[in-house]
């Protein structure tokens, strides 16, 4: 038992998984893959160390240069879901598995996702200005929406871009059914 605990502590201090005490290379590789794909190491965040801009990237392998720059700049203010998500850049890219969290900053991808579900851009609240929406929503057929006010795609996407938002979403639930889940991550928000 003491040897197992000692092995786990050594593994933990090297950044390995504490649940695996084996030192074989495939176990170490899997542990390393988890960290580089959004485990505990964050691109440009506190856990990435002072050399976050140097050496190998610790971001999701599906990120492009623009994504990596954005993630490095806002890492400490983005949710863990955003940092771990598979980044999507075009309507030709998709989730690798059901229930996978996806992220994008592409207006074309957002519009394609909403259109595929019959969703239309909307906002919520009293006395809203449809040209300057404060709250970004989608109105999906058959899901209520009585208190939503339609807005144009131009107004919705302009607000999205002005606020430097990230669109976090799913294409399919884990059971394989279409998912309407989305949320917006705002790295410039003021906490408090």
N, C-alpha and C. Protein backbone atom coordinates (compact mmCIF):
# COMPACT_ATOMS: atom_id res chain seq x y z
N UNK A 1 0.82 -1.19 0.00
CA UNK A 1 0.00 0.00 0.00
C UNK A 1 0.86 1.25 0.00
N UNK A 2 1.97 1.24 0.82
CA UNK A 2 2.86 2.39 0.89
C UNK A 2 3.51 2.64 -0.46
N UNK A 3 3.87 1.58 -1.17
CA UNK A 3 4.49 1.73 -2.48
C UNK A 3 3.50 2.35 -3.47
N UNK A 4 2.25 1.91 -3.42
CA UNK A 4 1.23 2.44 -4.31
C UNK A 4 1.01 3.93 -4.05
N UNK A 5 0.95 4.34 -2.80
CA UNK A 5 0.77 5.75 -2.46
C UNK A 5 1.97 6.55 -2.91
N UNK A 6 3.19 6.01 -2.69
CA UNK A 6 4.40 6.70 -3.11
C UNK A 6 4.43 6.86 -4.63
N UNK A 7 4.04 5.82 -5.36
CA UNK A 7 4.00 5.88 -6.82
C UNK A 7 3.00 6.93 -7.28
N UNK A 8 1.83 6.96 -6.62
CA UNK A 8 0.82 7.96 -6.98
C UNK A 8 1.34 9.37 -6.74
N UNK A 9 2.03 9.59 -5.63
CA UNK A 9 2.57 10.91 -5.31
C UNK A 9 3.61 11.33 -6.35
N UNK A 10 4.49 10.38 -6.74
CA UNK A 10 5.47 10.70 -7.78
C UNK A 10 4.79 11.05 -9.08
N UNK A 11 3.77 10.27 -9.44
CA UNK A 11 3.02 10.52 -10.67
C UNK A 11 2.35 11.90 -10.62
N UNK A 12 1.74 12.21 -9.48
CA UNK A 12 1.06 13.49 -9.32
C UNK A 12 2.05 14.64 -9.44
N UNK A 13 3.24 14.51 -8.86
CA UNK A 13 4.22 15.59 -8.90
C UNK A 13 4.77 15.80 -10.31
N UNK A 14 4.71 14.77 -11.18
CA UNK A 14 5.15 14.91 -12.58
C UNK A 14 4.02 15.36 -13.47
N UNK A 15 2.83 15.58 -12.91
CA UNK A 15 1.69 16.01 -13.73
C UNK A 15 0.88 14.86 -14.24
N UNK A 16 1.16 13.63 -13.80
CA UNK A 16 0.42 12.47 -14.26
C UNK A 16 -0.89 12.33 -13.54
N UNK A 17 -1.65 11.36 -13.93
CA UNK A 17 -2.94 11.10 -13.32
C UNK A 17 -2.75 10.39 -11.99
N UNK A 18 -3.46 10.84 -10.96
CA UNK A 18 -3.33 10.20 -9.66
C UNK A 18 -4.10 8.89 -9.62
N UNK A 19 -4.97 8.66 -10.57
CA UNK A 19 -5.74 7.42 -10.56
C UNK A 19 -4.97 6.27 -11.19
N UNK A 20 -3.89 6.54 -11.90
CA UNK A 20 -3.07 5.51 -12.52
C UNK A 20 -1.69 5.56 -11.88
N UNK A 21 -1.28 4.43 -11.33
CA UNK A 21 0.04 4.39 -10.73
C UNK A 21 1.05 3.70 -11.64
N UNK A 22 0.61 3.16 -12.75
CA UNK A 22 1.50 2.48 -13.68
C UNK A 22 2.39 3.49 -14.37
N UNK A 23 3.63 3.14 -14.59
CA UNK A 23 4.56 4.05 -15.24
C UNK A 23 4.77 3.72 -16.70
N UNK A 24 3.91 2.88 -17.31
CA UNK A 24 4.17 2.51 -18.70
C UNK A 24 3.91 3.69 -19.63
N UNK A 25 4.46 3.65 -20.83
CA UNK A 25 4.42 4.79 -21.72
C UNK A 25 3.03 5.11 -22.21
N UNK A 26 2.16 4.12 -22.44
CA UNK A 26 0.82 4.43 -22.93
C UNK A 26 0.01 5.12 -21.85
N UNK A 27 0.20 4.74 -20.60
CA UNK A 27 -0.48 5.42 -19.50
C UNK A 27 0.00 6.85 -19.40
N UNK A 28 1.31 7.07 -19.51
CA UNK A 28 1.85 8.42 -19.44
C UNK A 28 1.36 9.25 -20.60
N UNK A 29 1.28 8.66 -21.78
CA UNK A 29 0.82 9.39 -22.96
C UNK A 29 -0.62 9.81 -22.79
N UNK A 30 -1.49 8.91 -22.28
CA UNK A 30 -2.89 9.28 -22.06
C UNK A 30 -2.99 10.42 -21.06
N UNK A 31 -2.22 10.38 -20.00
CA UNK A 31 -2.22 11.44 -19.01
C UNK A 31 -1.80 12.75 -19.65
N UNK A 32 -0.76 12.71 -20.47
CA UNK A 32 -0.28 13.90 -21.15
C UNK A 32 -1.33 14.44 -22.10
N UNK A 33 -2.02 13.53 -22.82
CA UNK A 33 -3.07 13.97 -23.74
C UNK A 33 -4.19 14.68 -23.00
N UNK A 34 -4.58 14.17 -21.83
CA UNK A 34 -5.64 14.83 -21.07
C UNK A 34 -5.24 16.25 -20.71
N UNK A 35 -4.02 16.46 -20.30
CA UNK A 35 -3.57 17.79 -19.94
C UNK A 35 -3.55 18.72 -21.14
N UNK A 36 -3.08 18.25 -22.29
CA UNK A 36 -3.00 19.11 -23.45
C UNK A 36 -4.35 19.36 -24.08
N UNK A 37 -5.34 18.55 -23.78
CA UNK A 37 -6.67 18.74 -24.35
C UNK A 37 -7.63 19.37 -23.36
N UNK A 38 -7.13 20.08 -22.37
CA UNK A 38 -8.03 20.81 -21.49
C UNK A 38 -8.12 20.22 -20.11
N UNK A 39 -7.15 19.45 -19.69
CA UNK A 39 -7.15 18.95 -18.33
C UNK A 39 -6.82 20.09 -17.39
N UNK A 40 -5.85 19.87 -16.51
CA UNK A 40 -5.52 20.89 -15.54
C UNK A 40 -4.70 22.03 -16.13
N UNK A 41 -3.90 21.77 -17.14
CA UNK A 41 -3.08 22.83 -17.72
C UNK A 41 -3.95 23.69 -18.62
N UNK A 42 -3.85 25.00 -18.43
CA UNK A 42 -4.66 25.93 -19.20
C UNK A 42 -3.74 26.78 -20.06
N UNK A 43 -4.12 26.99 -21.30
CA UNK A 43 -3.31 27.79 -22.20
C UNK A 43 -3.27 29.22 -21.70
N UNK A 44 -2.10 29.68 -21.34
CA UNK A 44 -1.95 31.07 -20.92
C UNK A 44 -2.51 31.35 -19.55
N UNK A 45 -3.04 30.35 -18.87
CA UNK A 45 -3.64 30.56 -17.55
C UNK A 45 -2.63 30.37 -16.46
N UNK A 46 -3.10 30.45 -15.23
CA UNK A 46 -2.24 30.36 -14.07
C UNK A 46 -1.49 29.04 -14.02
N UNK A 47 -2.14 27.94 -14.45
CA UNK A 47 -1.53 26.63 -14.37
C UNK A 47 -0.53 26.36 -15.48
N UNK A 48 -0.49 27.19 -16.50
CA UNK A 48 0.40 26.93 -17.63
C UNK A 48 1.81 27.43 -17.36
N UNK A 49 2.00 28.19 -16.32
CA UNK A 49 3.34 28.66 -15.98
C UNK A 49 3.70 29.93 -16.71
N UNK A 50 4.89 30.45 -16.40
CA UNK A 50 5.29 31.72 -16.98
C UNK A 50 5.72 31.59 -18.43
N UNK A 51 5.95 30.40 -18.94
CA UNK A 51 6.35 30.20 -20.32
C UNK A 51 5.16 29.86 -21.21
N UNK A 52 3.98 30.39 -20.91
CA UNK A 52 2.78 30.00 -21.65
C UNK A 52 2.88 30.33 -23.13
N UNK A 53 3.65 31.34 -23.51
CA UNK A 53 3.76 31.68 -24.91
C UNK A 53 4.86 30.92 -25.62
N UNK A 54 5.72 30.25 -24.87
CA UNK A 54 6.84 29.55 -25.48
C UNK A 54 6.61 28.05 -25.45
N UNK A 55 7.36 27.33 -26.27
CA UNK A 55 7.28 25.88 -26.25
C UNK A 55 6.03 25.37 -26.92
N UNK A 56 5.65 24.15 -26.56
CA UNK A 56 4.50 23.53 -27.22
C UNK A 56 3.19 24.11 -26.69
N UNK A 57 2.19 24.11 -27.54
CA UNK A 57 0.87 24.63 -27.18
C UNK A 57 0.15 23.65 -26.26
N UNK A 58 -0.56 24.16 -25.29
CA UNK A 58 -1.33 23.32 -24.39
C UNK A 58 -2.81 23.46 -24.66
N UNK A 59 -3.17 24.00 -25.80
CA UNK A 59 -4.57 24.19 -26.13
C UNK A 59 -5.11 23.00 -26.91
N UNK A 60 -6.40 22.98 -27.09
CA UNK A 60 -7.07 21.97 -27.87
C UNK A 60 -6.42 21.90 -29.25
N UNK A 61 -6.14 20.71 -29.77
CA UNK A 61 -5.46 20.61 -31.06
C UNK A 61 -6.28 21.11 -32.24
N UNK A 62 -7.56 21.36 -32.07
CA UNK A 62 -8.38 21.85 -33.18
C UNK A 62 -8.42 23.39 -33.22
N UNK A 63 -7.62 24.06 -32.39
CA UNK A 63 -7.60 25.51 -32.42
C UNK A 63 -6.67 25.99 -33.53
N UNK A 64 -7.02 27.12 -34.10
CA UNK A 64 -6.13 27.74 -35.09
C UNK A 64 -5.36 28.86 -34.40
N UNK A 65 -4.51 29.56 -35.13
CA UNK A 65 -3.67 30.60 -34.54
C UNK A 65 -4.51 31.70 -33.89
N UNK A 66 -5.61 32.08 -34.52
CA UNK A 66 -6.48 33.12 -33.95
C UNK A 66 -7.11 32.65 -32.64
N UNK A 67 -7.56 31.40 -32.61
CA UNK A 67 -8.14 30.83 -31.38
C UNK A 67 -7.10 30.81 -30.27
N UNK A 68 -5.89 30.35 -30.59
CA UNK A 68 -4.84 30.26 -29.57
C UNK A 68 -4.52 31.63 -29.00
N UNK A 69 -4.45 32.63 -29.85
CA UNK A 69 -4.18 34.00 -29.40
C UNK A 69 -5.31 34.47 -28.47
N UNK A 70 -6.54 34.22 -28.86
CA UNK A 70 -7.71 34.60 -28.05
C UNK A 70 -7.67 33.87 -26.70
N UNK A 71 -7.42 32.55 -26.73
CA UNK A 71 -7.37 31.76 -25.49
C UNK A 71 -6.25 32.21 -24.58
N UNK A 72 -5.09 32.53 -25.13
CA UNK A 72 -3.98 33.01 -24.31
C UNK A 72 -4.30 34.36 -23.69
N UNK A 73 -4.93 35.23 -24.46
CA UNK A 73 -5.24 36.57 -23.96
C UNK A 73 -6.27 36.54 -22.84
N UNK A 74 -7.29 35.68 -22.99
CA UNK A 74 -8.41 35.68 -22.04
C UNK A 74 -8.50 34.43 -21.17
N UNK A 75 -7.48 33.61 -21.14
CA UNK A 75 -7.54 32.31 -20.45
C UNK A 75 -8.08 32.40 -19.03
N UNK A 76 -7.62 33.37 -18.26
CA UNK A 76 -8.03 33.44 -16.86
C UNK A 76 -9.48 33.88 -16.69
N UNK A 77 -10.10 34.38 -17.76
CA UNK A 77 -11.48 34.85 -17.67
C UNK A 77 -12.48 33.96 -18.39
N UNK A 78 -11.99 32.91 -19.06
CA UNK A 78 -12.87 31.99 -19.78
C UNK A 78 -13.21 30.79 -18.90
N UNK A 79 -14.38 30.25 -19.12
CA UNK A 79 -14.79 29.08 -18.36
C UNK A 79 -13.94 27.87 -18.74
N UNK A 80 -13.91 26.89 -17.85
CA UNK A 80 -13.19 25.65 -18.15
C UNK A 80 -13.82 24.94 -19.34
N UNK A 81 -15.14 25.06 -19.49
CA UNK A 81 -15.82 24.45 -20.65
C UNK A 81 -15.29 25.03 -21.95
N UNK A 82 -15.09 26.33 -21.99
CA UNK A 82 -14.57 26.98 -23.19
C UNK A 82 -13.16 26.51 -23.47
N UNK A 83 -12.35 26.41 -22.45
CA UNK A 83 -10.97 26.01 -22.64
C UNK A 83 -10.83 24.56 -23.08
N UNK A 84 -11.77 23.70 -22.66
CA UNK A 84 -11.70 22.27 -23.02
C UNK A 84 -12.43 21.94 -24.31
N UNK A 85 -13.26 22.83 -24.79
CA UNK A 85 -14.12 22.54 -25.94
C UNK A 85 -13.33 22.29 -27.21
N UNK A 86 -13.96 21.55 -28.12
CA UNK A 86 -13.42 21.39 -29.48
C UNK A 86 -13.84 22.63 -30.25
N UNK A 87 -12.89 23.35 -30.79
CA UNK A 87 -13.18 24.59 -31.51
C UNK A 87 -13.56 24.27 -32.95
N UNK A 88 -14.62 24.91 -33.40
CA UNK A 88 -15.17 24.69 -34.74
C UNK A 88 -15.04 25.99 -35.53
N UNK A 89 -14.61 25.87 -36.80
CA UNK A 89 -14.34 27.05 -37.62
C UNK A 89 -15.21 27.16 -38.86
N UNK A 90 -15.85 26.05 -39.25
CA UNK A 90 -16.71 26.07 -40.44
C UNK A 90 -17.85 25.08 -40.25
N UNK A 91 -18.85 25.21 -41.09
CA UNK A 91 -20.00 24.30 -41.02
C UNK A 91 -19.65 22.89 -41.48
N UNK A 92 -18.45 22.70 -42.01
CA UNK A 92 -17.99 21.37 -42.42
C UNK A 92 -17.37 20.58 -41.26
N UNK A 93 -17.07 21.25 -40.16
CA UNK A 93 -16.49 20.60 -38.99
C UNK A 93 -17.61 20.22 -38.02
N UNK A 94 -17.43 19.11 -37.34
CA UNK A 94 -18.47 18.63 -36.42
C UNK A 94 -17.85 18.01 -35.18
N UNK A 95 -18.72 17.70 -34.22
CA UNK A 95 -18.29 17.03 -33.01
C UNK A 95 -17.72 15.65 -33.36
N UNK A 96 -16.79 15.21 -32.55
CA UNK A 96 -16.21 13.88 -32.75
C UNK A 96 -17.05 12.80 -32.09
N UNK A 97 -17.92 13.20 -31.15
CA UNK A 97 -18.77 12.24 -30.44
C UNK A 97 -20.02 12.96 -29.95
N UNK A 98 -21.07 12.22 -29.68
CA UNK A 98 -22.30 12.79 -29.13
C UNK A 98 -22.02 13.41 -27.77
N UNK A 99 -22.65 14.55 -27.49
CA UNK A 99 -22.51 15.21 -26.21
C UNK A 99 -21.26 16.06 -26.07
N UNK A 100 -20.43 16.12 -27.10
CA UNK A 100 -19.17 16.87 -27.01
C UNK A 100 -19.45 18.37 -26.96
N UNK A 101 -18.72 19.07 -26.10
CA UNK A 101 -18.82 20.52 -26.01
C UNK A 101 -18.01 21.13 -27.14
N UNK A 102 -18.64 22.04 -27.86
CA UNK A 102 -18.01 22.72 -28.98
C UNK A 102 -17.95 24.21 -28.69
N UNK A 103 -17.01 24.91 -29.32
CA UNK A 103 -16.88 26.35 -29.16
C UNK A 103 -16.57 26.97 -30.52
N UNK A 104 -17.09 28.16 -30.73
CA UNK A 104 -16.78 28.89 -31.96
C UNK A 104 -16.93 30.38 -31.73
N UNK A 105 -16.27 31.13 -32.59
CA UNK A 105 -16.46 32.58 -32.64
C UNK A 105 -16.92 32.96 -34.05
N UNK A 106 -17.23 31.96 -34.87
CA UNK A 106 -17.63 32.16 -36.26
C UNK A 106 -19.13 32.39 -36.38
N UNK A 107 -19.49 33.52 -36.95
CA UNK A 107 -20.90 33.82 -37.18
C UNK A 107 -21.56 32.83 -38.12
N UNK A 108 -20.81 32.34 -39.11
CA UNK A 108 -21.36 31.36 -40.06
C UNK A 108 -21.71 30.05 -39.35
N UNK A 109 -20.84 29.62 -38.44
CA UNK A 109 -21.09 28.38 -37.71
C UNK A 109 -22.31 28.55 -36.80
N UNK A 110 -22.40 29.67 -36.11
CA UNK A 110 -23.53 29.93 -35.21
C UNK A 110 -24.84 29.94 -36.00
N UNK A 111 -24.83 30.64 -37.10
CA UNK A 111 -26.05 30.73 -37.92
C UNK A 111 -26.44 29.36 -38.48
N UNK A 112 -25.45 28.59 -38.94
CA UNK A 112 -25.74 27.25 -39.46
C UNK A 112 -26.33 26.35 -38.39
N UNK A 113 -25.78 26.42 -37.17
CA UNK A 113 -26.27 25.61 -36.05
C UNK A 113 -27.72 25.99 -35.73
N UNK A 114 -28.00 27.29 -35.62
CA UNK A 114 -29.36 27.75 -35.28
C UNK A 114 -30.34 27.41 -36.41
N UNK A 115 -29.96 27.65 -37.65
CA UNK A 115 -30.84 27.36 -38.80
C UNK A 115 -31.20 25.88 -38.86
N UNK A 116 -30.24 25.00 -38.55
CA UNK A 116 -30.50 23.56 -38.60
C UNK A 116 -31.55 23.14 -37.59
N UNK A 117 -31.76 23.96 -36.55
CA UNK A 117 -32.74 23.66 -35.50
C UNK A 117 -33.99 24.53 -35.60
N UNK A 118 -34.07 25.34 -36.66
CA UNK A 118 -35.21 26.23 -36.83
C UNK A 118 -35.16 27.44 -35.91
N UNK A 119 -34.00 27.68 -35.30
CA UNK A 119 -33.85 28.80 -34.36
C UNK A 119 -33.66 30.12 -35.08
N UNK A 120 -34.23 31.15 -34.50
CA UNK A 120 -34.08 32.51 -35.04
C UNK A 120 -33.51 33.40 -33.94
N UNK A 121 -32.70 34.40 -34.31
CA UNK A 121 -32.09 35.27 -33.30
C UNK A 121 -33.16 36.08 -32.58
N UNK A 122 -32.93 36.25 -31.28
CA UNK A 122 -33.91 36.97 -30.46
C UNK A 122 -33.20 37.61 -29.28
N UNK A 123 -33.94 38.44 -28.59
CA UNK A 123 -33.47 39.03 -27.34
C UNK A 123 -34.61 38.96 -26.34
N UNK A 124 -34.33 39.28 -25.10
CA UNK A 124 -35.34 39.20 -24.05
C UNK A 124 -35.31 40.47 -23.22
N UNK A 125 -36.42 40.75 -22.58
CA UNK A 125 -36.50 41.90 -21.68
C UNK A 125 -37.57 42.87 -22.11
N UNK A 126 -37.86 43.80 -21.21
CA UNK A 126 -38.85 44.84 -21.50
C UNK A 126 -38.15 46.01 -22.17
N UNK A 127 -38.86 46.70 -23.04
CA UNK A 127 -38.34 47.89 -23.72
C UNK A 127 -37.01 47.62 -24.42
N UNK A 128 -36.93 46.52 -25.16
CA UNK A 128 -35.69 46.17 -25.86
C UNK A 128 -35.58 46.92 -27.17
N UNK A 129 -34.36 47.16 -27.58
CA UNK A 129 -34.06 47.76 -28.87
C UNK A 129 -33.56 46.64 -29.77
N UNK A 130 -34.37 46.20 -30.75
CA UNK A 130 -33.96 45.08 -31.61
C UNK A 130 -32.68 45.33 -32.40
N UNK A 131 -32.29 46.58 -32.58
CA UNK A 131 -31.05 46.87 -33.29
C UNK A 131 -29.82 46.83 -32.38
N UNK A 132 -30.06 46.88 -31.06
CA UNK A 132 -28.98 46.81 -30.08
C UNK A 132 -29.38 45.87 -28.95
N UNK A 133 -29.47 44.58 -29.25
CA UNK A 133 -29.93 43.65 -28.22
C UNK A 133 -28.92 43.54 -27.07
N UNK A 134 -29.45 43.48 -25.85
CA UNK A 134 -28.59 43.34 -24.68
C UNK A 134 -28.41 41.87 -24.33
N UNK A 135 -29.48 41.11 -24.40
CA UNK A 135 -29.45 39.69 -24.08
C UNK A 135 -29.62 38.90 -25.37
N UNK A 136 -28.67 38.02 -25.67
CA UNK A 136 -28.73 37.25 -26.91
C UNK A 136 -29.35 35.89 -26.65
N UNK A 137 -30.40 35.58 -27.39
CA UNK A 137 -31.12 34.32 -27.27
C UNK A 137 -31.45 33.81 -28.67
N UNK A 138 -32.00 32.60 -28.72
CA UNK A 138 -32.59 32.06 -29.94
C UNK A 138 -34.01 31.64 -29.61
N UNK A 139 -34.89 31.82 -30.56
CA UNK A 139 -36.26 31.35 -30.43
C UNK A 139 -36.37 30.07 -31.25
N UNK A 140 -36.51 28.93 -30.55
CA UNK A 140 -36.65 27.64 -31.20
C UNK A 140 -38.12 27.27 -31.25
N UNK A 141 -38.62 26.79 -32.39
CA UNK A 141 -40.03 26.42 -32.49
C UNK A 141 -40.39 25.32 -31.49
N UNK A 142 -41.51 25.52 -30.80
CA UNK A 142 -42.00 24.53 -29.86
C UNK A 142 -41.37 24.59 -28.48
N UNK A 143 -40.57 25.62 -28.21
CA UNK A 143 -39.91 25.72 -26.91
C UNK A 143 -40.25 27.03 -26.21
N UNK A 144 -41.49 27.45 -26.27
CA UNK A 144 -41.89 28.68 -25.57
C UNK A 144 -41.55 29.88 -26.40
N UNK A 145 -40.75 30.77 -25.85
CA UNK A 145 -40.34 31.96 -26.59
C UNK A 145 -41.33 33.09 -26.56
N UNK A 146 -42.35 33.00 -25.69
CA UNK A 146 -43.37 34.04 -25.65
C UNK A 146 -42.80 35.40 -25.26
N UNK A 147 -41.77 35.43 -24.48
CA UNK A 147 -41.19 36.69 -24.02
C UNK A 147 -39.99 37.14 -24.83
N UNK A 148 -39.74 36.47 -25.94
CA UNK A 148 -38.60 36.84 -26.78
C UNK A 148 -39.02 37.81 -27.87
N UNK A 149 -38.09 38.70 -28.21
CA UNK A 149 -38.31 39.68 -29.28
C UNK A 149 -37.35 39.35 -30.42
N UNK A 150 -37.88 39.16 -31.63
CA UNK A 150 -36.99 38.84 -32.77
C UNK A 150 -36.01 39.98 -33.05
N UNK A 151 -34.79 39.61 -33.43
CA UNK A 151 -33.79 40.58 -33.87
C UNK A 151 -33.18 40.05 -35.16
N UNK A 152 -32.52 40.92 -35.90
CA UNK A 152 -31.88 40.50 -37.15
C UNK A 152 -30.59 39.75 -36.84
N UNK A 153 -30.16 38.94 -37.81
CA UNK A 153 -28.88 38.26 -37.65
C UNK A 153 -27.75 39.28 -37.55
N UNK A 154 -27.85 40.37 -38.33
CA UNK A 154 -26.80 41.39 -38.27
C UNK A 154 -26.66 41.98 -36.87
N UNK A 155 -27.79 42.31 -36.24
CA UNK A 155 -27.75 42.88 -34.89
C UNK A 155 -27.24 41.86 -33.88
N UNK A 156 -27.69 40.61 -33.99
CA UNK A 156 -27.28 39.56 -33.05
C UNK A 156 -25.77 39.33 -33.14
N UNK A 157 -25.28 39.16 -34.38
CA UNK A 157 -23.86 38.87 -34.58
C UNK A 157 -22.97 40.09 -34.26
N UNK A 158 -23.46 41.30 -34.53
CA UNK A 158 -22.70 42.50 -34.19
C UNK A 158 -22.49 42.58 -32.67
N UNK A 159 -23.54 42.32 -31.91
CA UNK A 159 -23.44 42.33 -30.45
C UNK A 159 -22.49 41.23 -29.98
N UNK A 160 -22.60 40.04 -30.58
CA UNK A 160 -21.74 38.91 -30.26
C UNK A 160 -20.26 39.29 -30.46
N UNK A 161 -19.96 39.88 -31.60
CA UNK A 161 -18.57 40.24 -31.92
C UNK A 161 -18.08 41.41 -31.07
N UNK A 162 -18.92 42.42 -30.87
CA UNK A 162 -18.52 43.58 -30.06
C UNK A 162 -18.15 43.18 -28.64
N UNK A 163 -18.82 42.18 -28.10
CA UNK A 163 -18.57 41.74 -26.73
C UNK A 163 -17.48 40.66 -26.64
N UNK A 164 -16.91 40.27 -27.78
CA UNK A 164 -15.86 39.24 -27.83
C UNK A 164 -16.33 37.93 -27.18
N UNK A 165 -17.56 37.54 -27.49
CA UNK A 165 -18.15 36.35 -26.89
C UNK A 165 -17.65 35.08 -27.55
N UNK A 166 -17.81 33.98 -26.85
CA UNK A 166 -17.55 32.64 -27.38
C UNK A 166 -18.87 31.89 -27.31
N UNK A 167 -19.24 31.24 -28.39
CA UNK A 167 -20.47 30.46 -28.48
C UNK A 167 -20.12 29.01 -28.10
N UNK A 168 -20.64 28.56 -26.96
CA UNK A 168 -20.42 27.19 -26.48
C UNK A 168 -21.70 26.43 -26.78
N UNK A 169 -21.59 25.26 -27.39
CA UNK A 169 -22.80 24.55 -27.82
C UNK A 169 -22.56 23.06 -27.99
N UNK A 170 -23.65 22.35 -28.24
CA UNK A 170 -23.61 20.93 -28.58
C UNK A 170 -24.39 20.75 -29.88
N UNK A 171 -23.93 19.81 -30.70
CA UNK A 171 -24.70 19.43 -31.88
C UNK A 171 -25.72 18.35 -31.50
N UNK A 172 -25.26 17.39 -30.70
CA UNK A 172 -26.12 16.29 -30.27
C UNK A 172 -25.92 16.02 -28.80
N UNK A 173 -27.01 15.58 -28.16
CA UNK A 173 -26.92 15.14 -26.77
C UNK A 173 -26.18 13.80 -26.75
N UNK A 174 -25.83 13.36 -25.57
CA UNK A 174 -25.12 12.07 -25.45
C UNK A 174 -25.94 10.92 -26.01
N UNK A 175 -27.27 11.03 -25.95
CA UNK A 175 -28.12 9.95 -26.46
C UNK A 175 -28.28 9.99 -27.97
N UNK A 176 -27.66 10.98 -28.64
CA UNK A 176 -27.69 11.06 -30.09
C UNK A 176 -28.76 11.99 -30.66
N UNK A 177 -29.68 12.46 -29.83
CA UNK A 177 -30.71 13.39 -30.30
C UNK A 177 -30.11 14.78 -30.49
N UNK A 178 -30.71 15.57 -31.41
CA UNK A 178 -30.26 16.95 -31.62
C UNK A 178 -30.32 17.72 -30.31
N UNK A 179 -29.38 18.61 -30.12
CA UNK A 179 -29.32 19.43 -28.92
C UNK A 179 -29.50 20.90 -29.28
N UNK A 180 -30.30 21.60 -28.50
CA UNK A 180 -30.45 23.05 -28.63
C UNK A 180 -29.60 23.78 -27.60
N UNK A 181 -28.77 23.05 -26.86
CA UNK A 181 -27.98 23.67 -25.80
C UNK A 181 -26.94 24.62 -26.37
N UNK A 182 -26.92 25.82 -25.79
CA UNK A 182 -25.83 26.76 -26.05
C UNK A 182 -25.74 27.71 -24.87
N UNK A 183 -24.59 28.30 -24.74
CA UNK A 183 -24.41 29.40 -23.81
C UNK A 183 -23.30 30.28 -24.35
N UNK A 184 -23.21 31.48 -23.84
CA UNK A 184 -22.21 32.43 -24.30
C UNK A 184 -21.22 32.70 -23.18
N UNK A 185 -19.95 32.61 -23.51
CA UNK A 185 -18.90 32.91 -22.54
C UNK A 185 -18.36 34.30 -22.87
N UNK A 186 -18.28 35.15 -21.85
CA UNK A 186 -17.88 36.53 -22.03
C UNK A 186 -16.60 36.82 -21.24
N UNK A 187 -15.44 36.85 -21.90
CA UNK A 187 -14.20 37.06 -21.18
C UNK A 187 -13.98 38.49 -20.71
N UNK A 188 -14.80 39.43 -21.16
CA UNK A 188 -14.62 40.83 -20.78
C UNK A 188 -15.61 41.28 -19.72
N UNK A 189 -16.42 40.35 -19.22
CA UNK A 189 -17.41 40.73 -18.21
C UNK A 189 -16.74 41.14 -16.91
N UNK A 190 -17.41 41.95 -16.16
CA UNK A 190 -16.94 42.35 -14.84
C UNK A 190 -17.58 41.41 -13.84
N UNK A 191 -16.78 40.74 -13.04
CA UNK A 191 -17.35 39.88 -12.00
C UNK A 191 -17.74 40.72 -10.80
N UNK A 192 -18.80 40.28 -10.14
CA UNK A 192 -19.18 41.00 -8.93
C UNK A 192 -20.62 41.22 -8.77
